[in-house]
Amino acid sequence: MRNRRSFAALLFLIVAMPAIAQQDINLPRLKNDTSVPRTYAFSVQQAIEYARKNNVQVRNALLDIRMQEEQNREITSNAFPKLNGSLSTTYNPNIATQVIPNFISPATYQVLIDEGVKNGTGGPIVMPGDFGFIPAQFGTKYSTTVGASLSQLLFDGQVFVGLQARRTSIDFRRASADVVDETIRTNIYKVYYQLVVGKTSIELLDANIDRLTKLLKDTRAIYDNGFAERLDVDKVNVQLTNLQTEKNRALNNLSNGYYGLKVLIGMPVKDQLILTDSVTDEMIKDGMLDNMEYAHEDRFDYKYAQFGKKLNEFNIRRYKLSLLPSVSVSGNYAKNAQRNKWDFFGDGDWFTISAISANIQVPIFNGFYTRAKINQAKIDLEKTNNQIEALKLTIDNEVVNARNNFNTALSSLDFQKRNLALADTVYQQTKKKYEVGTGSQTEINAAQADLKAAQTNYITTLLDAIIARVDYLKAVGKL
């Protein structure tokens, strides 16, 4: 929509969007900032490259890629063996006592009976019916165990799918970073050239001020010679004052806009930025007049949605394979020693402990939890498919609107360029008539007003054309 119909509206847009560049304006130093300001001369491409290294959103998007790489390593670790070592020592101040049946006395009695030993009365020894219990302690004061354990997952459906999805997860993060990068580039393109056009508008204001200054001088001379009224001088003076006020306001807004661009690209506000690119009609039309074909796959947001769809499909497979048994093997090997004194470096036996296990875990019933998760994942996939279809329609609509807006902007730009040249010719001819005394003050004032209106319209259409070019390139995925 062409809703910037004046330069004041342009400057408001520049300030509202965190983006613009600074040239030849001295900025105040930050309080307590003793570092030396630097000066940068950037083309629009250099500004974009600077933003890719310093813009917070872009940097965080790149960190998300690194985060996903680490998460992929975490997933991969599940497929590697797990090896752990252990060392433990135990001190038992009071060894546990357990009461056991008296197994010693029966054996002794049996020996006496077998040998035919007589009791004190000369009769045979008879086995008593109850020998009671014996309190016993098992173990030593000190024990030490040194060992290692090894486990290896042989099959787990969820881990298997996770390994397959690693590449898609990275592509998903990179597509997200591309979307962020495109958004930043779009803003930089628009604001960079808005500022360039803004400087052109300042130059036009300067030219108008010079013309009115000369006109004021000529009008005063005519007034001094008695061929003009004081009112004519005052009218020109009012116009000149208005132009100077408008220029001061434009310079202030332009200066504020410089801070905005540096915030956008991540540049310290104390530094100065010089813009080296310029705007011409040929630059706006370059490569745009031919029929530009497009495909949905050229758009970063479409690629991002496609990778999201693939991840949803992996999610369904993950839950389905979780219904399969998981298989693993494990083993441990250890040495154990027991002493009544803590002396494990001297002589003494170390006993070997070892075991190897094969483990199969079979899911049987979990309250329909897995089935619910599979259904949820399928619903998410269906929603993603719907969003992709809606995105296709949105892209088609954006391309059509952007193409129409660009063609309209080019037509308006050509028309306003011719109108500006015509208004300048009219002003020059009216000025000559006024200088030779055949024109009136009213005519010269009207010509000046028409020229300024033509200049404002030209600047507005130039901005519309720049923005329409950027929007069209973005719509077809060629920005």
Protein backbone atom coordinates (compact mmCIF):
# COMPACT_ATOMS: atom_id res chain seq x y z
CA MET A 1 0.00 0.00 0.00
CA ARG A 2 1.26 3.43 -0.84
CA ASN A 3 0.75 5.13 2.48
CA ARG A 4 3.82 7.33 2.65
CA ARG A 5 2.64 10.47 0.89
CA SER A 6 5.06 12.94 2.42
CA PHE A 7 8.64 13.07 3.52
CA ALA A 8 7.54 13.57 7.11
CA ALA A 9 5.77 10.21 6.96
CA LEU A 10 8.92 8.68 5.53
CA LEU A 11 11.00 9.95 8.41
CA PHE A 12 8.46 8.62 10.89
CA LEU A 13 8.75 5.19 9.27
CA ILE A 14 12.54 5.38 9.43
CA VAL A 15 12.49 6.17 13.13
CA ALA A 16 9.78 3.60 13.92
CA MET A 17 11.67 0.77 12.22
CA PRO A 18 14.94 0.07 14.02
CA ALA A 19 17.02 0.79 10.97
CA ILE A 20 18.92 3.59 9.28
CA ALA A 21 22.43 4.73 8.70
CA GLN A 22 24.43 7.76 9.65
CA GLN A 23 26.54 9.94 7.46
CA ASP A 24 28.39 13.11 8.32
CA ILE A 25 26.54 13.66 11.59
CA ASN A 26 28.43 13.89 14.88
CA LEU A 27 26.76 11.78 17.55
CA PRO A 28 27.12 12.40 21.29
CA ARG A 29 29.43 9.99 23.12
CA LEU A 30 27.92 7.55 25.56
CA LYS A 31 28.40 8.39 29.20
CA ASN A 32 31.45 6.67 30.71
CA ASP A 33 32.39 5.34 27.25
CA THR A 34 36.04 6.13 26.68
CA SER A 35 36.55 3.96 23.59
CA VAL A 36 37.44 5.66 20.33
CA PRO A 37 34.53 5.90 17.85
CA ARG A 38 35.09 4.20 14.52
CA THR A 39 33.89 5.23 11.08
CA TYR A 40 32.45 2.74 8.60
CA ALA A 41 31.71 3.29 4.90
CA PHE A 42 29.20 0.62 3.90
CA SER A 43 27.35 -0.38 0.80
CA VAL A 44 24.05 -2.09 1.44
CA GLN A 45 25.72 -5.49 1.03
CA GLN A 46 28.44 -4.57 3.51
CA ALA A 47 25.78 -3.43 5.98
CA ILE A 48 24.07 -6.83 5.59
CA GLU A 49 27.35 -8.71 6.15
CA TYR A 50 28.02 -6.61 9.25
CA ALA A 51 24.54 -7.41 10.56
CA ARG A 52 25.10 -11.14 10.03
CA LYS A 53 28.00 -10.96 12.44
CA ASN A 54 26.58 -8.52 14.97
CA ASN A 55 22.77 -8.54 14.93
CA VAL A 56 21.50 -10.26 18.08
CA GLN A 57 18.71 -12.16 16.33
CA VAL A 58 21.06 -13.52 13.67
CA ARG A 59 23.68 -14.46 16.25
CA ASN A 60 21.10 -16.29 18.36
CA ALA A 61 19.81 -18.13 15.28
CA LEU A 62 23.36 -19.33 14.61
CA LEU A 63 23.67 -20.36 18.24
CA ASP A 64 20.49 -22.41 17.80
CA ILE A 65 22.27 -24.34 15.05
CA ARG A 66 25.19 -25.01 17.36
CA MET A 67 22.76 -26.04 20.10
CA GLN A 68 21.13 -28.53 17.72
CA GLU A 69 24.55 -29.96 16.84
CA GLU A 70 25.19 -30.60 20.52
CA GLN A 71 21.75 -32.14 20.91
CA ASN A 72 22.54 -34.44 17.98
CA ARG A 73 25.73 -35.51 19.76
CA GLU A 74 23.60 -36.26 22.80
CA ILE A 75 21.34 -38.48 20.68
CA THR A 76 24.33 -40.19 19.07
CA SER A 77 25.80 -40.95 22.49
CA ASN A 78 22.93 -43.35 23.15
CA ALA A 79 24.26 -45.64 20.43
CA PHE A 80 27.80 -45.81 21.88
CA PRO A 81 28.98 -48.16 24.64
CA LYS A 82 28.84 -46.91 28.22
CA LEU A 83 31.94 -47.71 30.26
CA ASN A 84 32.15 -46.87 33.97
CA GLY A 85 34.80 -47.54 36.58
CA SER A 86 34.20 -47.87 40.30
CA LEU A 87 36.24 -47.93 43.49
CA SER A 88 34.75 -48.36 46.92
CA THR A 89 36.00 -49.15 50.40
CA THR A 90 33.91 -50.03 53.46
CA TYR A 91 34.65 -49.88 57.19
CA ASN A 92 32.43 -51.87 59.55
CA PRO A 93 32.90 -50.66 63.16
CA ASN A 94 30.41 -53.28 64.31
CA ILE A 95 29.99 -56.28 62.10
CA ALA A 96 26.42 -57.42 61.97
CA THR A 97 25.64 -60.40 64.26
CA GLN A 98 23.26 -63.10 63.19
CA VAL A 99 21.86 -65.95 65.33
CA ILE A 100 22.09 -69.38 63.68
CA PRO A 101 21.17 -72.90 64.91
CA ASN A 102 23.90 -74.65 66.90
CA PHE A 103 25.34 -76.97 64.26
CA ILE A 104 28.62 -77.65 66.15
CA SER A 105 27.28 -79.54 69.23
CA PRO A 106 25.29 -82.13 67.23
CA ALA A 107 28.40 -83.04 65.27
CA THR A 108 30.44 -83.39 68.48
CA TYR A 109 27.79 -85.61 70.11
CA GLN A 110 27.67 -87.74 67.00
CA VAL A 111 31.41 -88.38 67.18
CA LEU A 112 31.10 -89.40 70.86
CA ILE A 113 28.23 -91.71 70.08
CA ASP A 114 30.09 -93.24 67.14
CA GLU A 115 33.13 -93.87 69.34
CA GLY A 116 31.00 -95.51 72.03
CA VAL A 117 32.02 -93.11 74.78
CA LYS A 118 30.13 -93.65 78.05
CA ASN A 119 28.73 -90.98 80.30
CA GLY A 120 29.57 -90.60 83.98
CA THR A 121 27.13 -93.30 85.04
CA GLY A 122 28.62 -95.74 82.57
CA GLY A 123 25.69 -95.53 80.21
CA PRO A 124 25.84 -94.62 76.49
CA ILE A 125 25.79 -90.95 75.50
CA VAL A 126 22.41 -89.90 74.10
CA MET A 127 21.88 -87.01 71.63
CA PRO A 128 19.93 -84.12 73.35
CA GLY A 129 16.78 -82.90 71.70
CA ASP A 130 17.72 -79.13 71.57
CA PHE A 131 21.15 -77.51 71.31
CA GLY A 132 19.96 -73.86 71.06
CA PHE A 133 21.51 -71.12 68.87
CA ILE A 134 24.94 -69.63 68.25
CA PRO A 135 25.51 -65.85 67.66
CA ALA A 136 27.83 -65.41 64.66
CA GLN A 137 29.46 -62.50 62.79
CA PHE A 138 30.21 -62.76 59.07
CA GLY A 139 32.70 -60.46 57.37
CA THR A 140 35.69 -58.32 58.22
CA LYS A 141 36.25 -54.83 59.50
CA TYR A 142 37.40 -53.56 56.08
CA SER A 143 36.56 -54.40 52.47
CA THR A 144 37.50 -52.82 49.12
CA THR A 145 36.12 -53.37 45.62
CA VAL A 146 37.64 -52.15 42.34
CA GLY A 147 35.70 -52.79 39.15
CA ALA A 148 34.45 -51.69 35.74
CA SER A 149 31.11 -52.06 33.99
CA LEU A 150 30.29 -51.94 30.28
CA SER A 151 26.87 -51.65 28.61
CA GLN A 152 25.89 -51.46 24.95
CA LEU A 153 22.47 -50.71 23.49
CA LEU A 154 21.86 -53.03 20.54
CA PHE A 155 18.43 -51.83 19.46
CA ASP A 156 15.98 -49.18 20.60
CA GLY A 157 13.39 -47.85 18.17
CA GLN A 158 13.38 -44.30 19.55
CA VAL A 159 17.17 -44.02 19.46
CA PHE A 160 17.17 -45.40 15.91
CA VAL A 161 14.73 -42.72 14.71
CA GLY A 162 16.66 -40.04 16.60
CA LEU A 163 19.80 -40.98 14.69
CA GLN A 164 17.91 -40.75 11.39
CA ALA A 165 16.44 -37.33 12.26
CA ARG A 166 19.74 -35.66 13.10
CA ARG A 167 20.34 -34.18 9.65
CA THR A 168 16.77 -32.93 9.33
CA SER A 169 17.03 -31.27 12.76
CA ILE A 170 20.12 -29.34 11.60
CA ASP A 171 18.39 -28.36 8.34
CA PHE A 172 15.37 -27.18 10.34
CA ARG A 173 17.55 -24.90 12.47
CA ARG A 174 19.39 -23.59 9.45
CA ALA A 175 16.12 -22.84 7.67
CA SER A 176 15.00 -20.92 10.76
CA ALA A 177 18.26 -18.94 10.66
CA ASP A 178 17.66 -18.21 6.95
CA VAL A 179 14.20 -16.83 7.75
CA VAL A 180 15.69 -14.53 10.39
CA ASP A 181 18.48 -13.49 8.03
CA GLU A 182 15.97 -12.69 5.28
CA THR A 183 13.89 -10.56 7.64
CA ILE A 184 16.95 -8.58 8.70
CA ARG A 185 18.08 -8.19 5.08
CA THR A 186 14.64 -6.96 4.05
CA ASN A 187 14.66 -4.26 6.72
CA ILE A 188 18.22 -3.23 5.91
CA TYR A 189 17.48 -2.93 2.18
CA LYS A 190 14.41 -0.81 2.79
CA VAL A 191 15.87 1.46 5.42
CA TYR A 192 19.27 1.84 3.79
CA TYR A 193 17.73 3.15 0.57
CA GLN A 194 15.11 5.13 2.45
CA LEU A 195 17.94 6.99 4.09
CA VAL A 196 19.70 7.53 0.78
CA VAL A 197 16.48 8.97 -0.64
CA GLY A 198 16.09 10.98 2.55
CA LYS A 199 19.42 12.64 1.91
CA THR A 200 18.27 13.42 -1.61
CA SER A 201 15.20 15.09 -0.14
CA ILE A 202 17.46 17.20 2.09
CA GLU A 203 19.38 18.25 -1.01
CA LEU A 204 16.11 19.28 -2.69
CA LEU A 205 15.19 21.30 0.40
CA ASP A 206 18.56 23.02 0.22
CA ALA A 207 17.99 23.84 -3.43
CA ASN A 208 14.55 25.27 -2.62
CA ILE A 209 16.03 27.34 0.20
CA ASP A 210 18.66 28.71 -2.17
CA ARG A 211 15.99 29.62 -4.72
CA LEU A 212 13.81 31.33 -2.14
CA THR A 213 16.80 33.14 -0.67
CA LYS A 214 17.59 34.60 -4.10
CA LEU A 215 13.91 35.31 -4.71
CA LEU A 216 13.73 37.14 -1.38
CA LYS A 217 16.75 39.20 -2.35
CA ASP A 218 15.22 40.05 -5.74
CA THR A 219 11.83 40.87 -4.20
CA ARG A 220 13.44 43.23 -1.69
CA ALA A 221 15.26 44.96 -4.50
CA ILE A 222 12.03 45.38 -6.42
CA TYR A 223 10.32 46.62 -3.25
CA ASP A 224 13.11 49.11 -2.62
CA ASN A 225 12.59 50.45 -6.15
CA GLY A 226 8.87 50.83 -5.53
CA PHE A 227 7.64 48.10 -7.87
CA ALA A 228 6.49 45.62 -5.18
CA GLU A 229 4.59 45.71 -1.93
CA ARG A 230 5.92 44.92 1.50
CA LEU A 231 3.41 42.07 1.58
CA ASP A 232 5.27 40.39 -1.30
CA VAL A 233 8.50 40.44 0.68
CA ASP A 234 6.76 39.03 3.75
CA LYS A 235 5.20 36.18 1.75
CA VAL A 236 8.58 35.05 0.46
CA ASN A 237 10.04 35.40 3.95
CA VAL A 238 7.30 33.16 5.39
CA GLN A 239 7.96 30.52 2.72
CA LEU A 240 11.70 30.60 3.40
CA THR A 241 11.19 30.26 7.15
CA ASN A 242 8.85 27.30 6.63
CA LEU A 243 11.42 25.56 4.44
CA GLN A 244 14.20 26.11 6.96
CA THR A 245 11.98 24.73 9.73
CA GLU A 246 11.10 21.73 7.58
CA LYS A 247 14.78 21.08 6.89
CA ASN A 248 15.69 21.24 10.59
CA ARG A 249 12.92 18.79 11.41
CA ALA A 250 14.01 16.46 8.61
CA LEU A 251 17.64 16.56 9.73
CA ASN A 252 16.63 15.75 13.31
CA ASN A 253 14.50 12.80 12.23
CA LEU A 254 17.24 11.63 9.89
CA SER A 255 19.77 11.80 12.71
CA ASN A 256 17.51 9.71 14.95
CA GLY A 257 17.09 7.27 12.11
CA TYR A 258 20.86 6.76 12.01
CA TYR A 259 20.75 5.33 15.49
CA GLY A 260 18.00 2.96 14.38
CA LEU A 261 20.03 1.42 11.57
CA LYS A 262 23.00 0.88 13.83
CA VAL A 263 20.76 -0.90 16.33
CA LEU A 264 19.47 -3.09 13.49
CA ILE A 265 22.92 -4.12 12.25
CA GLY A 266 24.39 -4.34 15.76
CA MET A 267 26.75 -1.37 15.51
CA PRO A 268 27.65 0.75 18.58
CA VAL A 269 25.77 4.05 18.43
CA LYS A 270 28.97 6.02 19.06
CA ASP A 271 30.39 4.84 15.71
CA GLN A 272 29.69 6.67 12.47
CA LEU A 273 28.30 5.09 9.34
CA ILE A 274 28.73 6.41 5.80
CA LEU A 275 26.46 5.09 3.07
CA THR A 276 28.18 4.56 -0.26
CA ASP A 277 25.31 3.31 -2.43
CA SER A 278 23.00 5.60 -4.38
CA VAL A 279 19.50 5.26 -5.80
CA THR A 280 18.69 5.65 -9.47
CA ASP A 281 15.73 4.73 -11.61
CA GLU A 282 17.92 2.26 -13.50
CA MET A 283 18.97 0.55 -10.26
CA ILE A 284 15.32 0.08 -9.27
CA LYS A 285 14.41 -1.42 -12.64
CA ASP A 286 17.54 -3.53 -13.02
CA GLY A 287 16.60 -7.17 -13.63
CA MET A 288 12.99 -6.54 -12.66
CA LEU A 289 11.29 -5.85 -15.98
CA ASP A 290 11.61 -9.41 -17.26
CA ASN A 291 9.03 -12.00 -16.28
CA MET A 292 10.37 -13.41 -13.03
CA GLU A 293 9.42 -17.02 -12.44
CA TYR A 294 9.12 -18.32 -8.92
CA ALA A 295 8.60 -21.56 -7.02
CA HIS A 296 7.36 -22.10 -3.49
CA GLU A 297 10.59 -23.93 -2.72
CA ASP A 298 12.55 -20.70 -3.29
CA ARG A 299 11.06 -19.18 -0.14
CA PHE A 300 12.93 -19.68 3.12
CA ASP A 301 9.72 -19.84 5.15
CA TYR A 302 8.44 -22.63 2.87
CA LYS A 303 11.67 -24.61 3.33
CA TYR A 304 11.36 -24.08 7.08
CA ALA A 305 7.80 -25.48 7.03
CA GLN A 306 8.90 -28.50 4.96
CA PHE A 307 11.63 -29.42 7.43
CA GLY A 308 9.11 -29.06 10.24
CA LYS A 309 6.89 -31.54 8.40
CA LYS A 310 9.75 -34.05 8.15
CA LEU A 311 10.40 -33.75 11.89
CA ASN A 312 6.72 -34.47 12.58
CA GLU A 313 6.97 -37.59 10.43
CA PHE A 314 10.03 -38.71 12.39
CA ASN A 315 8.08 -38.13 15.58
CA ILE A 316 5.36 -40.54 14.46
CA ARG A 317 7.94 -43.19 13.58
CA ARG A 318 9.64 -42.69 16.94
CA TYR A 319 6.48 -43.51 18.88
CA LYS A 320 5.62 -46.45 16.63
CA LEU A 321 9.06 -48.03 17.03
CA SER A 322 8.87 -47.56 20.79
CA LEU A 323 6.42 -50.48 20.72
CA LEU A 324 9.24 -52.82 19.69
CA PRO A 325 11.47 -54.55 22.26
CA SER A 326 14.76 -52.90 23.16
CA VAL A 327 17.90 -55.04 23.37
CA SER A 328 21.11 -54.38 25.26
CA VAL A 329 24.06 -56.22 26.75
CA SER A 330 26.01 -55.38 29.87
CA GLY A 331 28.91 -56.76 31.80
CA ASN A 332 30.95 -56.00 34.89
CA TYR A 333 34.31 -57.12 36.25
CA ALA A 334 35.57 -56.39 39.75
CA LYS A 335 38.15 -57.37 42.34
CA ASN A 336 37.21 -57.58 46.01
CA ALA A 337 39.41 -57.84 49.11
CA GLN A 338 38.53 -58.11 52.83
CA ARG A 339 40.82 -57.32 55.74
CA ASN A 340 40.56 -56.88 59.50
CA LYS A 341 43.03 -54.02 59.10
CA TRP A 342 43.01 -51.41 56.36
CA ASP A 343 46.00 -52.77 54.47
CA PHE A 344 45.07 -53.51 50.88
CA PHE A 345 48.50 -52.84 49.38
CA GLY A 346 50.24 -55.67 51.15
CA ASP A 347 49.81 -59.39 50.92
CA GLY A 348 46.36 -60.85 50.80
CA ASP A 349 43.87 -62.33 48.43
CA TRP A 350 41.79 -60.39 45.92
CA PHE A 351 38.69 -62.21 44.75
CA THR A 352 37.31 -61.84 41.22
CA ILE A 353 33.70 -60.90 40.53
CA SER A 354 32.38 -60.90 36.91
CA ALA A 355 29.07 -61.11 35.10
CA ILE A 356 27.69 -60.75 31.57
CA SER A 357 24.02 -60.02 30.96
CA ALA A 358 21.77 -59.86 27.90
CA ASN A 359 18.72 -57.66 28.44
CA ILE A 360 15.49 -57.59 26.43
CA GLN A 361 12.76 -55.18 27.49
CA VAL A 362 9.40 -55.91 25.91
CA PRO A 363 6.66 -53.27 26.23
CA ILE A 364 3.39 -55.03 26.91
CA PHE A 365 0.86 -52.49 28.19
CA ASN A 366 1.29 -48.87 29.31
CA GLY A 367 -2.31 -47.74 29.56
CA PHE A 368 -2.57 -46.74 25.86
CA TYR A 369 0.03 -43.99 26.44
CA THR A 370 1.95 -44.76 23.24
CA ARG A 371 -1.19 -44.92 21.12
CA ALA A 372 -2.21 -41.50 22.41
CA LYS A 373 1.26 -40.07 21.59
CA ILE A 374 1.09 -41.53 18.07
CA ASN A 375 -2.32 -39.96 17.50
CA GLN A 376 -1.09 -36.61 18.81
CA ALA A 377 1.91 -36.73 16.46
CA LYS A 378 -0.40 -37.53 13.53
CA ILE A 379 -2.60 -34.55 14.39
CA ASP A 380 0.48 -32.30 14.53
CA LEU A 381 1.50 -33.56 11.09
CA GLU A 382 -1.96 -32.88 9.70
CA LYS A 383 -1.87 -29.34 11.12
CA THR A 384 1.54 -28.80 9.55
CA ASN A 385 0.24 -29.97 6.17
CA ASN A 386 -2.65 -27.51 6.48
CA GLN A 387 -0.24 -24.71 7.34
CA ILE A 388 1.92 -25.56 4.32
CA GLU A 389 -1.10 -25.41 2.02
CA ALA A 390 -2.08 -22.06 3.52
CA LEU A 391 1.50 -20.85 3.10
CA LYS A 392 1.37 -21.71 -0.61
CA LEU A 393 -1.73 -19.56 -1.02
CA THR A 394 -0.09 -16.76 0.95
CA ILE A 395 3.04 -16.89 -1.21
CA ASP A 396 0.99 -16.80 -4.42
CA ASN A 397 -0.98 -13.84 -3.11
CA GLU A 398 2.18 -12.00 -2.02
CA VAL A 399 3.78 -12.50 -5.43
CA VAL A 400 0.73 -11.19 -7.30
CA ASN A 401 0.34 -8.18 -5.00
CA ALA A 402 4.06 -7.42 -5.00
CA ARG A 403 4.22 -7.60 -8.82
CA ASN A 404 1.22 -5.29 -9.17
CA ASN A 405 2.60 -2.85 -6.61
CA PHE A 406 5.99 -2.80 -8.31
CA ASN A 407 4.54 -2.18 -11.78
CA THR A 408 2.33 0.59 -10.38
CA ALA A 409 5.27 2.11 -8.52
CA LEU A 410 7.39 2.14 -11.68
CA SER A 411 4.61 3.78 -13.66
CA SER A 412 4.11 6.42 -10.95
CA LEU A 413 7.86 6.99 -10.73
CA ASP A 414 8.18 7.66 -14.45
CA PHE A 415 5.16 9.96 -14.34
CA GLN A 416 6.41 11.93 -11.33
CA LYS A 417 9.89 12.20 -12.81
CA ARG A 418 8.45 13.85 -15.94
CA ASN A 419 6.16 15.98 -13.78
CA LEU A 420 9.13 17.16 -11.70
CA ALA A 421 11.03 18.19 -14.82
CA LEU A 422 7.94 20.03 -16.09
CA ALA A 423 7.40 21.81 -12.74
CA ASP A 424 11.04 22.93 -12.74
CA THR A 425 10.67 24.30 -16.28
CA VAL A 426 7.51 26.16 -15.31
CA TYR A 427 9.24 27.65 -12.27
CA GLN A 428 12.27 28.79 -14.27
CA GLN A 429 10.10 30.46 -16.92
CA THR A 430 7.88 32.09 -14.28
CA LYS A 431 10.98 33.31 -12.45
CA LYS A 432 12.34 34.93 -15.61
CA LYS A 433 9.01 36.68 -16.21
CA TYR A 434 9.01 37.91 -12.63
CA GLU A 435 12.57 39.19 -12.89
CA VAL A 436 11.79 41.24 -16.02
CA GLY A 437 8.60 42.57 -14.49
CA THR A 438 6.06 40.72 -16.66
CA GLY A 439 5.10 38.21 -13.96
CA SER A 440 3.38 38.66 -10.62
CA GLN A 441 4.29 37.62 -7.12
CA THR A 442 1.29 35.30 -7.09
CA GLU A 443 2.56 33.44 -10.15
CA ILE A 444 6.05 32.94 -8.75
CA ASN A 445 4.63 31.74 -5.41
CA ALA A 446 2.32 29.28 -7.18
CA ALA A 447 5.18 27.99 -9.35
CA GLN A 448 7.36 27.52 -6.27
CA ALA A 449 4.59 25.63 -4.46
CA ASP A 450 3.99 23.41 -7.52
CA LEU A 451 7.70 22.64 -7.79
CA LYS A 452 7.94 21.66 -4.14
CA ALA A 453 4.82 19.47 -4.44
CA ALA A 454 6.34 17.78 -7.49
CA GLN A 455 9.56 17.18 -5.58
CA THR A 456 7.68 15.69 -2.64
CA ASN A 457 5.65 13.44 -4.94
CA TYR A 458 8.80 12.29 -6.73
CA ILE A 459 10.54 11.43 -3.45
CA THR A 460 7.45 9.55 -2.27
CA THR A 461 7.13 7.54 -5.48
CA LEU A 462 10.87 6.82 -5.44
CA LEU A 463 10.50 5.36 -1.94
CA ASP A 464 7.44 3.39 -3.03
CA ALA A 465 9.40 1.94 -5.93
CA ILE A 466 12.32 0.92 -3.71
CA ILE A 467 10.07 -0.76 -1.16
CA ALA A 468 8.02 -2.42 -3.92
CA ARG A 469 11.24 -3.80 -5.47
CA VAL A 470 12.38 -5.28 -2.14
CA ASP A 471 8.93 -6.74 -1.43
CA TYR A 472 8.76 -8.31 -4.89
CA LEU A 473 12.21 -9.90 -4.60
CA LYS A 474 11.31 -11.22 -1.18
CA ALA A 475 7.97 -12.57 -2.43
CA VAL A 476 9.63 -14.62 -5.19
CA GLY A 477 12.47 -15.76 -2.90
CA LYS A 478 15.22 -13.91 -4.76
CA LEU A 479 16.14 -11.19 -2.29
